[in-house]
């Protein structure tokens, strides 16, 4: 059971990293971890423990993730893009 939780946590972190991969200052979203862990296990378990590979796998398989996970991914990607735009405007 502990091994499953460790793998699930790694996958949740990687899943969240999809939207945050270029914004290291942002924290991982607990909502993304909750909504995407099952999808990450189902679609990308073979990529564990390589977080960049899990992230790439989730991006490649975005069309196959659950609606809840996709919504979180889209929302976090939009927030990241807005933050980047704001940062660029401030320069």
PDB file of N, CA and C in Angstrom:
ATOM      1  N   UNK A   1       0.824  -1.190   0.000  1.00  0.00           N
ATOM      2  CA  UNK A   1       0.000   0.000   0.000  1.00  0.00           C
ATOM      3  C   UNK A   1       0.869   1.255   0.000  1.00  0.00           C
ATOM      4  N   UNK A   2       1.969   1.248   0.754  1.00  0.00           N
ATOM      5  CA  UNK A   2       2.846   2.411   0.805  1.00  0.00           C
ATOM      6  C   UNK A   2       3.466   2.662  -0.554  1.00  0.00           C
ATOM      7  N   UNK A   3       3.855   1.614  -1.245  1.00  0.00           N
ATOM      8  CA  UNK A   3       4.448   1.760  -2.582  1.00  0.00           C
ATOM      9  C   UNK A   3       3.439   2.388  -3.543  1.00  0.00           C
ATOM     10  N   UNK A   4       2.191   1.965  -3.481  1.00  0.00           N
ATOM     11  CA  UNK A   4       1.151   2.542  -4.331  1.00  0.00           C
ATOM     12  C   UNK A   4       0.994   4.028  -4.051  1.00  0.00           C
ATOM     13  N   UNK A   5       0.985   4.400  -2.782  1.00  0.00           N
ATOM     14  CA  UNK A   5       0.850   5.819  -2.432  1.00  0.00           C
ATOM     15  C   UNK A   5       2.035   6.626  -2.931  1.00  0.00           C
ATOM     16  N   UNK A   6       3.228   6.068  -2.836  1.00  0.00           N
ATOM     17  CA  UNK A   6       4.418   6.764  -3.329  1.00  0.00           C
ATOM     18  C   UNK A   6       4.325   6.976  -4.832  1.00  0.00           C
ATOM     19  N   UNK A   7       3.945   5.952  -5.553  1.00  0.00           N
ATOM     20  CA  UNK A   7       3.799   6.059  -7.001  1.00  0.00           C
ATOM     21  C   UNK A   7       2.692   7.050  -7.345  1.00  0.00           C
ATOM     22  N   UNK A   8       1.582   6.967  -6.657  1.00  0.00           N
ATOM     23  CA  UNK A   8       0.467   7.878  -6.915  1.00  0.00           C
ATOM     24  C   UNK A   8       0.877   9.323  -6.657  1.00  0.00           C
ATOM     25  N   UNK A   9       1.647   9.545  -5.601  1.00  0.00           N
ATOM     26  CA  UNK A   9       2.104  10.901  -5.301  1.00  0.00           C
ATOM     27  C   UNK A   9       3.042  11.402  -6.385  1.00  0.00           C
ATOM     28  N   UNK A  10       3.976  10.562  -6.816  1.00  0.00           N
ATOM     29  CA  UNK A  10       4.880  10.959  -7.901  1.00  0.00           C
ATOM     30  C   UNK A  10       4.102  11.295  -9.169  1.00  0.00           C
ATOM     31  N   UNK A  11       3.137  10.495  -9.483  1.00  0.00           N
ATOM     32  CA  UNK A  11       2.347  10.745 -10.682  1.00  0.00           C
ATOM     33  C   UNK A  11       1.503  12.003 -10.542  1.00  0.00           C
ATOM     34  N   UNK A  12       0.976  12.232  -9.370  1.00  0.00           N
ATOM     35  CA  UNK A  12       0.187  13.447  -9.158  1.00  0.00           C
ATOM     36  C   UNK A  12       1.051  14.691  -9.315  1.00  0.00           C
ATOM     37  N   UNK A  13       2.242  14.634  -8.777  1.00  0.00           N
ATOM     38  CA  UNK A  13       3.159  15.765  -8.906  1.00  0.00           C
ATOM     39  C   UNK A  13       3.511  15.982 -10.375  1.00  0.00           C
ATOM     40  N   UNK A  14       3.788  14.906 -11.077  1.00  0.00           N
ATOM     41  CA  UNK A  14       4.126  15.029 -12.493  1.00  0.00           C
ATOM     42  C   UNK A  14       2.954  15.558 -13.300  1.00  0.00           C
ATOM     43  N   UNK A  15       1.769  15.097 -12.976  1.00  0.00           N
ATOM     44  CA  UNK A  15       0.588  15.563 -13.680  1.00  0.00           C
ATOM     45  C   UNK A  15       0.405  17.059 -13.490  1.00  0.00           C
ATOM     46  N   UNK A  16       0.583  17.491 -12.272  1.00  0.00           N
ATOM     47  CA  UNK A  16       0.466  18.911 -11.992  1.00  0.00           C
ATOM     48  C   UNK A  16       1.535  19.704 -12.721  1.00  0.00           C
ATOM     49  N   UNK A  17       2.692  19.107 -12.869  1.00  0.00           N
ATOM     50  CA  UNK A  17       3.803  19.797 -13.532  1.00  0.00           C
ATOM     51  C   UNK A  17       3.506  20.114 -14.990  1.00  0.00           C
ATOM     52  N   UNK A  18       2.532  19.459 -15.575  1.00  0.00           N
ATOM     53  CA  UNK A  18       2.171  19.742 -16.966  1.00  0.00           C
ATOM     54  C   UNK A  18       1.894  21.224 -17.154  1.00  0.00           C
ATOM     55  N   UNK A  19       1.075  21.757 -16.284  1.00  0.00           N
ATOM     56  CA  UNK A  19       0.717  23.166 -16.407  1.00  0.00           C
ATOM     57  C   UNK A  19       1.765  24.093 -15.822  1.00  0.00           C
ATOM     58  N   UNK A  20       2.619  23.566 -14.988  1.00  0.00           N
ATOM     59  CA  UNK A  20       3.554  24.422 -14.275  1.00  0.00           C
ATOM     60  C   UNK A  20       5.002  24.236 -14.723  1.00  0.00           C
ATOM     61  N   UNK A  21       5.230  23.489 -15.777  1.00  0.00           N
ATOM     62  CA  UNK A  21       6.587  23.119 -16.133  1.00  0.00           C
ATOM     63  C   UNK A  21       7.496  24.307 -16.425  1.00  0.00           C
ATOM     64  N   UNK A  22       6.981  25.436 -16.835  1.00  0.00           N
ATOM     65  CA  UNK A  22       7.827  26.590 -17.087  1.00  0.00           C
ATOM     66  C   UNK A  22       7.720  27.643 -15.998  1.00  0.00           C
ATOM     67  N   UNK A  23       6.980  27.352 -14.944  1.00  0.00           N
ATOM     68  CA  UNK A  23       6.810  28.304 -13.843  1.00  0.00           C
ATOM     69  C   UNK A  23       7.176  27.647 -12.522  1.00  0.00           C
ATOM     70  N   UNK A  24       8.470  27.459 -12.261  1.00  0.00           N
ATOM     71  CA  UNK A  24       8.859  26.728 -11.061  1.00  0.00           C
ATOM     72  C   UNK A  24       8.472  27.415  -9.766  1.00  0.00           C
ATOM     73  N   UNK A  25       8.136  28.701  -9.797  1.00  0.00           N
ATOM     74  CA  UNK A  25       7.774  29.402  -8.581  1.00  0.00           C
ATOM     75  C   UNK A  25       6.380  29.073  -8.083  1.00  0.00           C
ATOM     76  N   UNK A  26       5.551  28.489  -8.912  1.00  0.00           N
ATOM     77  CA  UNK A  26       4.197  28.166  -8.504  1.00  0.00           C
ATOM     78  C   UNK A  26       4.160  26.816  -7.791  1.00  0.00           C
ATOM     79  N   UNK A  27       3.271  26.694  -6.825  1.00  0.00           N
ATOM     80  CA  UNK A  27       3.144  25.449  -6.077  1.00  0.00           C
ATOM     81  C   UNK A  27       2.259  24.478  -6.835  1.00  0.00           C
ATOM     82  N   UNK A  28       2.465  23.196  -6.583  1.00  0.00           N
ATOM     83  CA  UNK A  28       1.612  22.187  -7.199  1.00  0.00           C
ATOM     84  C   UNK A  28       0.224  22.266  -6.590  1.00  0.00           C
ATOM     85  N   UNK A  29      -0.767  22.143  -7.419  1.00  0.00           N
ATOM     86  CA  UNK A  29      -2.151  22.261  -6.988  1.00  0.00           C
ATOM     87  C   UNK A  29      -2.653  20.947  -6.385  1.00  0.00           C
ATOM     88  N   UNK A  30      -3.165  21.000  -5.164  1.00  0.00           N
ATOM     89  CA  UNK A  30      -3.753  19.796  -4.578  1.00  0.00           C
ATOM     90  C   UNK A  30      -4.941  19.296  -5.417  1.00  0.00           C
ATOM     91  N   UNK A  31      -5.657  20.225  -6.036  1.00  0.00           N
ATOM     92  CA  UNK A  31      -6.790  19.830  -6.881  1.00  0.00           C
ATOM     93  C   UNK A  31      -6.308  19.001  -8.068  1.00  0.00           C
ATOM     94  N   UNK A  32      -5.213  19.429  -8.687  1.00  0.00           N
ATOM     95  CA  UNK A  32      -4.670  18.671  -9.820  1.00  0.00           C
ATOM     96  C   UNK A  32      -4.203  17.294  -9.371  1.00  0.00           C
ATOM     97  N   UNK A  33      -3.581  17.222  -8.217  1.00  0.00           N
ATOM     98  CA  UNK A  33      -3.149  15.927  -7.693  1.00  0.00           C
ATOM     99  C   UNK A  33      -4.348  15.011  -7.504  1.00  0.00           C
ATOM    100  N   UNK A  34      -5.407  15.553  -6.931  1.00  0.00           N
ATOM    101  CA  UNK A  34      -6.602  14.751  -6.672  1.00  0.00           C
ATOM    102  C   UNK A  34      -7.284  14.328  -7.973  1.00  0.00           C
ATOM    103  N   UNK A  35      -7.430  15.258  -8.899  1.00  0.00           N
ATOM    104  CA  UNK A  35      -8.189  14.988 -10.121  1.00  0.00           C
ATOM    105  C   UNK A  35      -7.420  14.147 -11.139  1.00  0.00           C
ATOM    106  N   UNK A  36      -6.090  14.165 -11.105  1.00  0.00           N
ATOM    107  CA  UNK A  36      -5.315  13.542 -12.181  1.00  0.00           C
ATOM    108  C   UNK A  36      -4.529  12.299 -11.777  1.00  0.00           C
ATOM    109  N   UNK A  37      -4.482  11.961 -10.516  1.00  0.00           N
ATOM    110  CA  UNK A  37      -3.685  10.808 -10.080  1.00  0.00           C
ATOM    111  C   UNK A  37      -4.107   9.512 -10.761  1.00  0.00           C
ATOM    112  N   UNK A  38      -5.406   9.258 -10.816  1.00  0.00           N
ATOM    113  CA  UNK A  38      -5.878   8.021 -11.444  1.00  0.00           C
ATOM    114  C   UNK A  38      -5.522   7.979 -12.928  1.00  0.00           C
ATOM    115  N   UNK A  39      -5.666   9.115 -13.601  1.00  0.00           N
ATOM    116  CA  UNK A  39      -5.315   9.170 -15.020  1.00  0.00           C
ATOM    117  C   UNK A  39      -3.822   8.928 -15.220  1.00  0.00           C
ATOM    118  N   UNK A  40      -3.007   9.526 -14.369  1.00  0.00           N
ATOM    119  CA  UNK A  40      -1.560   9.341 -14.482  1.00  0.00           C
ATOM    120  C   UNK A  40      -1.189   7.879 -14.269  1.00  0.00           C
ATOM    121  N   UNK A  41      -1.801   7.239 -13.303  1.00  0.00           N
ATOM    122  CA  UNK A  41      -1.527   5.815 -13.063  1.00  0.00           C
ATOM    123  C   UNK A  41      -1.974   4.972 -14.252  1.00  0.00           C
ATOM    124  N   UNK A  42      -3.124   5.284 -14.795  1.00  0.00           N
ATOM    125  CA  UNK A  42      -3.681   4.509 -15.895  1.00  0.00           C
ATOM    126  C   UNK A  42      -2.886   4.703 -17.180  1.00  0.00           C
ATOM    127  N   UNK A  43      -2.504   5.932 -17.478  1.00  0.00           N
ATOM    128  CA  UNK A  43      -1.897   6.234 -18.767  1.00  0.00           C
ATOM    129  C   UNK A  43      -0.371   6.227 -18.772  1.00  0.00           C
ATOM    130  N   UNK A  44       0.252   6.500 -17.628  1.00  0.00           N
ATOM    131  CA  UNK A  44       1.692   6.769 -17.630  1.00  0.00           C
ATOM    132  C   UNK A  44       2.477   6.013 -16.566  1.00  0.00           C
ATOM    133  N   UNK A  45       1.926   4.957 -16.018  1.00  0.00           N
ATOM    134  CA  UNK A  45       2.617   4.219 -14.954  1.00  0.00           C
ATOM    135  C   UNK A  45       3.980   3.708 -15.405  1.00  0.00           C
ATOM    136  N   UNK A  46       4.132   3.405 -16.677  1.00  0.00           N
ATOM    137  CA  UNK A  46       5.407   2.878 -17.170  1.00  0.00           C
ATOM    138  C   UNK A  46       6.521   3.921 -17.149  1.00  0.00           C
ATOM    139  N   UNK A  47       6.177   5.180 -16.957  1.00  0.00           N
ATOM    140  CA  UNK A  47       7.166   6.258 -16.958  1.00  0.00           C
ATOM    141  C   UNK A  47       7.730   6.561 -15.566  1.00  0.00           C
ATOM    142  N   UNK A  48       7.150   5.965 -14.536  1.00  0.00           N
ATOM    143  CA  UNK A  48       7.594   6.206 -13.155  1.00  0.00           C
ATOM    144  C   UNK A  48       9.009   5.667 -12.995  1.00  0.00           C
ATOM    145  N   UNK A  49       9.903   6.369 -12.334  1.00  0.00           N
ATOM    146  CA  UNK A  49       9.741   7.573 -11.542  1.00  0.00           C
ATOM    147  C   UNK A  49      10.215   8.844 -12.254  1.00  0.00           C
ATOM    148  N   UNK A  50      10.351   8.809 -13.556  1.00  0.00           N
ATOM    149  CA  UNK A  50      10.901   9.934 -14.320  1.00  0.00           C
ATOM    150  C   UNK A  50       9.827  11.006 -14.541  1.00  0.00           C
ATOM    151  N   UNK A  51       9.840  12.040 -13.707  1.00  0.00           N
ATOM    152  CA  UNK A  51       8.785  13.056 -13.732  1.00  0.00           C
ATOM    153  C   UNK A  51       8.688  13.764 -15.086  1.00  0.00           C
ATOM    154  N   UNK A  52       9.793  14.153 -15.715  1.00  0.00           N
ATOM    155  CA  UNK A  52       9.649  14.770 -17.044  1.00  0.00           C
ATOM    156  C   UNK A  52       8.974  13.837 -18.064  1.00  0.00           C
ATOM    157  N   UNK A  53       9.263  12.550 -17.978  1.00  0.00           N
ATOM    158  CA  UNK A  53       8.615  11.599 -18.897  1.00  0.00           C
ATOM    159  C   UNK A  53       7.139  11.426 -18.562  1.00  0.00           C
ATOM    160  N   UNK A  54       6.798  11.427 -17.279  1.00  0.00           N
ATOM    161  CA  UNK A  54       5.386  11.336 -16.881  1.00  0.00           C
ATOM    162  C   UNK A  54       4.655  12.572 -17.393  1.00  0.00           C
ATOM    163  N   UNK A  55       5.276  13.726 -17.229  1.00  0.00           N
ATOM    164  CA  UNK A  55       4.668  14.970 -17.685  1.00  0.00           C
ATOM    165  C   UNK A  55       4.420  14.924 -19.188  1.00  0.00           C
ATOM    166  N   UNK A  56       5.431  14.514 -19.937  1.00  0.00           N
ATOM    167  CA  UNK A  56       5.286  14.418 -21.391  1.00  0.00           C
ATOM    168  C   UNK A  56       4.200  13.411 -21.760  1.00  0.00           C
ATOM    169  N   UNK A  57       4.134  12.324 -21.048  1.00  0.00           N
ATOM    170  CA  UNK A  57       3.109  11.298 -21.299  1.00  0.00           C
ATOM    171  C   UNK A  57       1.707  11.861 -21.085  1.00  0.00           C
ATOM    172  N   UNK A  58       1.525  12.610 -20.005  1.00  0.00           N
ATOM    173  CA  UNK A  58       0.211  13.181 -19.740  1.00  0.00           C
ATOM    174  C   UNK A  58      -0.169  14.210 -20.801  1.00  0.00           C
ATOM    175  N   UNK A  59       0.784  14.985 -21.255  1.00  0.00           N
ATOM    176  CA  UNK A  59       0.507  15.957 -22.315  1.00  0.00           C
ATOM    177  C   UNK A  59       0.108  15.218 -23.590  1.00  0.00           C
ATOM    178  N   UNK A  60       0.857  14.174 -23.933  1.00  0.00           N
ATOM    179  CA  UNK A  60       0.544  13.384 -25.139  1.00  0.00           C
ATOM    180  C   UNK A  60      -0.841  12.752 -25.055  1.00  0.00           C
ATOM    181  N   UNK A  61      -1.227  12.356 -23.862  1.00  0.00           N
ATOM    182  CA  UNK A  61      -2.489  11.630 -23.671  1.00  0.00           C
ATOM    183  C   UNK A  61      -3.613  12.491 -23.132  1.00  0.00           C
ATOM    184  N   UNK A  62      -3.479  13.799 -23.262  1.00  0.00           N
ATOM    185  CA  UNK A  62      -4.483  14.708 -22.702  1.00  0.00           C
ATOM    186  C   UNK A  62      -5.895  14.377 -23.197  1.00  0.00           C
ATOM    187  N   UNK A  63      -6.020  13.927 -24.424  1.00  0.00           N
ATOM    188  CA  UNK A  63      -7.346  13.601 -24.960  1.00  0.00           C
ATOM    189  C   UNK A  63      -7.972  12.391 -24.259  1.00  0.00           C
ATOM    190  N   UNK A  64      -7.165  11.619 -23.539  1.00  0.00           N
ATOM    191  CA  UNK A  64      -7.664  10.419 -22.870  1.00  0.00           C
ATOM    192  C   UNK A  64      -7.872  10.604 -21.366  1.00  0.00           C
ATOM    193  N   UNK A  65      -7.530  11.767 -20.832  1.00  0.00           N
ATOM    194  CA  UNK A  65      -7.702  11.968 -19.392  1.00  0.00           C
ATOM    195  C   UNK A  65      -9.162  12.262 -19.082  1.00  0.00           C
ATOM    196  N   UNK A  66      -9.508  12.109 -17.833  1.00  0.00           N
ATOM    197  CA  UNK A  66     -10.890  12.348 -17.402  1.00  0.00           C
ATOM    198  C   UNK A  66     -11.244  13.822 -17.575  1.00  0.00           C
ATOM    199  N   UNK A  67     -12.534  14.115 -17.698  1.00  0.00           N
ATOM    200  CA  UNK A  67     -12.950  15.512 -17.850  1.00  0.00           C
ATOM    201  C   UNK A  67     -12.473  16.403 -16.691  1.00  0.00           C
ATOM    202  N   UNK A  68     -12.496  15.890 -15.476  1.00  0.00           N
ATOM    203  CA  UNK A  68     -12.053  16.679 -14.328  1.00  0.00           C
ATOM    204  C   UNK A  68     -10.574  17.011 -14.403  1.00  0.00           C
ATOM    205  N   UNK A  69      -9.769  16.046 -14.768  1.00  0.00           N
ATOM    206  CA  UNK A  69      -8.331  16.270 -14.905  1.00  0.00           C
ATOM    207  C   UNK A  69      -8.060  17.248 -16.042  1.00  0.00           C
ATOM    208  N   UNK A  70      -8.737  17.068 -17.147  1.00  0.00           N
ATOM    209  CA  UNK A  70      -8.546  17.967 -18.294  1.00  0.00           C
ATOM    210  C   UNK A  70      -8.910  19.402 -17.920  1.00  0.00           C
ATOM    211  N   UNK A  71      -9.987  19.567 -17.164  1.00  0.00           N
ATOM    212  CA  UNK A  71     -10.400  20.909 -16.743  1.00  0.00           C
ATOM    213  C   UNK A  71      -9.331  21.551 -15.859  1.00  0.00           C
ATOM    214  N   UNK A  72      -8.765  20.781 -14.937  1.00  0.00           N
ATOM    215  CA  UNK A  72      -7.711  21.305 -14.067  1.00  0.00           C
ATOM    216  C   UNK A  72      -6.475  21.637 -14.895  1.00  0.00           C
ATOM    217  N   UNK A  73      -6.111  20.754 -15.808  1.00  0.00           N
ATOM    218  CA  UNK A  73      -4.945  20.996 -16.664  1.00  0.00           C
ATOM    219  C   UNK A  73      -5.133  22.283 -17.470  1.00  0.00           C
ATOM    220  N   UNK A  74      -6.314  22.443 -18.046  1.00  0.00           N
ATOM    221  CA  UNK A  74      -6.594  23.642 -18.849  1.00  0.00           C
ATOM    222  C   UNK A  74      -6.576  24.903 -17.997  1.00  0.00           C
ATOM    223  N   UNK A  75      -7.196  24.829 -16.820  1.00  0.00           N
ATOM    224  CA  UNK A  75      -7.261  25.989 -15.933  1.00  0.00           C
ATOM    225  C   UNK A  75      -5.864  26.395 -15.465  1.00  0.00           C
ATOM    226  N   UNK A  76      -5.054  25.420 -15.082  1.00  0.00           N
ATOM    227  CA  UNK A  76      -3.704  25.735 -14.607  1.00  0.00           C
ATOM    228  C   UNK A  76      -2.808  26.218 -15.754  1.00  0.00           C
ATOM    229  N   UNK A  77      -3.010  25.670 -16.937  1.00  0.00           N
ATOM    230  CA  UNK A  77      -2.236  26.148 -18.089  1.00  0.00           C
ATOM    231  C   UNK A  77      -2.605  27.597 -18.405  1.00  0.00           C
ATOM    232  N   UNK A  78      -3.893  27.927 -18.303  1.00  0.00           N
ATOM    233  CA  UNK A  78      -4.326  29.305 -18.556  1.00  0.00           C
ATOM    234  C   UNK A  78      -3.759  30.249 -17.495  1.00  0.00           C
ATOM    235  N   UNK A  79      -3.745  29.822 -16.249  1.00  0.00           N
ATOM    236  CA  UNK A  79      -3.194  30.650 -15.177  1.00  0.00           C
ATOM    237  C   UNK A  79      -1.697  30.862 -15.375  1.00  0.00           C
ATOM    238  N   UNK A  80      -1.001  29.825 -15.802  1.00  0.00           N
ATOM    239  CA  UNK A  80       0.432  29.926 -16.058  1.00  0.00           C
ATOM    240  C   UNK A  80       0.701  30.874 -17.216  1.00  0.00           C
ATOM    241  N   UNK A  81      -0.094  30.766 -18.265  1.00  0.00           N
ATOM    242  CA  UNK A  81       0.075  31.649 -19.422  1.00  0.00           C
ATOM    243  C   UNK A  81      -0.188  33.102 -19.024  1.00  0.00           C
ATOM    244  N   UNK A  82      -1.202  33.325 -18.206  1.00  0.00           N
ATOM    245  CA  UNK A  82      -1.511  34.685 -17.757  1.00  0.00           C
ATOM    246  C   UNK A  82      -0.375  35.241 -16.902  1.00  0.00           C
ATOM    247  N   UNK A  83       0.195  34.404 -16.054  1.00  0.00           N
ATOM    248  CA  UNK A  83       1.308  34.842 -15.213  1.00  0.00           C
ATOM    249  C   UNK A  83       2.522  35.189 -16.069  1.00  0.00           C
ATOM    250  N   UNK A  84       2.789  34.363 -17.085  1.00  0.00           N
ATOM    251  CA  UNK A  84       3.908  34.650 -17.994  1.00  0.00           C
ATOM    252  C   UNK A  84       3.678  35.947 -18.750  1.00  0.00           C
ATOM    253  N   UNK A  85       2.439  36.158 -19.183  1.00  0.00           N
ATOM    254  CA  UNK A  85       2.110  37.386 -19.925  1.00  0.00           C
ATOM    255  C   UNK A  85       2.289  38.611 -19.020  1.00  0.00           C
ATOM    256  N   UNK A  86       1.835  38.499 -17.792  1.00  0.00           N
ATOM    257  CA  UNK A  86       1.970  39.596 -16.839  1.00  0.00           C
ATOM    258  C   UNK A  86       3.448  39.885 -16.559  1.00  0.00           C
ATOM    259  N   UNK A  87       4.224  38.828 -16.398  1.00  0.00           N
ATOM    260  CA  UNK A  87       5.661  38.969 -16.145  1.00  0.00           C
ATOM    261  C   UNK A  87       6.368  39.625 -17.333  1.00  0.00           C
ATOM    262  N   UNK A  88       5.985  39.213 -18.542  1.00  0.00           N
ATOM    263  CA  UNK A  88       6.585  39.802 -19.750  1.00  0.00           C
ATOM    264  C   UNK A  88       6.212  41.268 -19.877  1.00  0.00           C
ATOM    265  N   UNK A  89       4.991  41.628 -19.522  1.00  0.00           N
ATOM    266  CA  UNK A  89       4.548  43.021 -19.614  1.00  0.00           C
ATOM    267  C   UNK A  89       5.272  43.900 -18.599  1.00  0.00           C
ATOM    268  N   UNK A  90       5.650  43.305 -17.472  1.00  0.00           N
ATOM    269  CA  UNK A  90       6.336  44.062 -16.440  1.00  0.00           C
ATOM    270  C   UNK A  90       7.787  44.352 -16.794  1.00  0.00           C
ATOM    271  N   UNK A  91       8.325  43.625 -17.746  1.00  0.00           N
ATOM    272  CA  UNK A  91       9.726  43.821 -18.146  1.00  0.00           C
ATOM    273  C   UNK A  91       9.853  44.985 -19.036  1.00  0.00           C
TER     274      UNK A  91
END
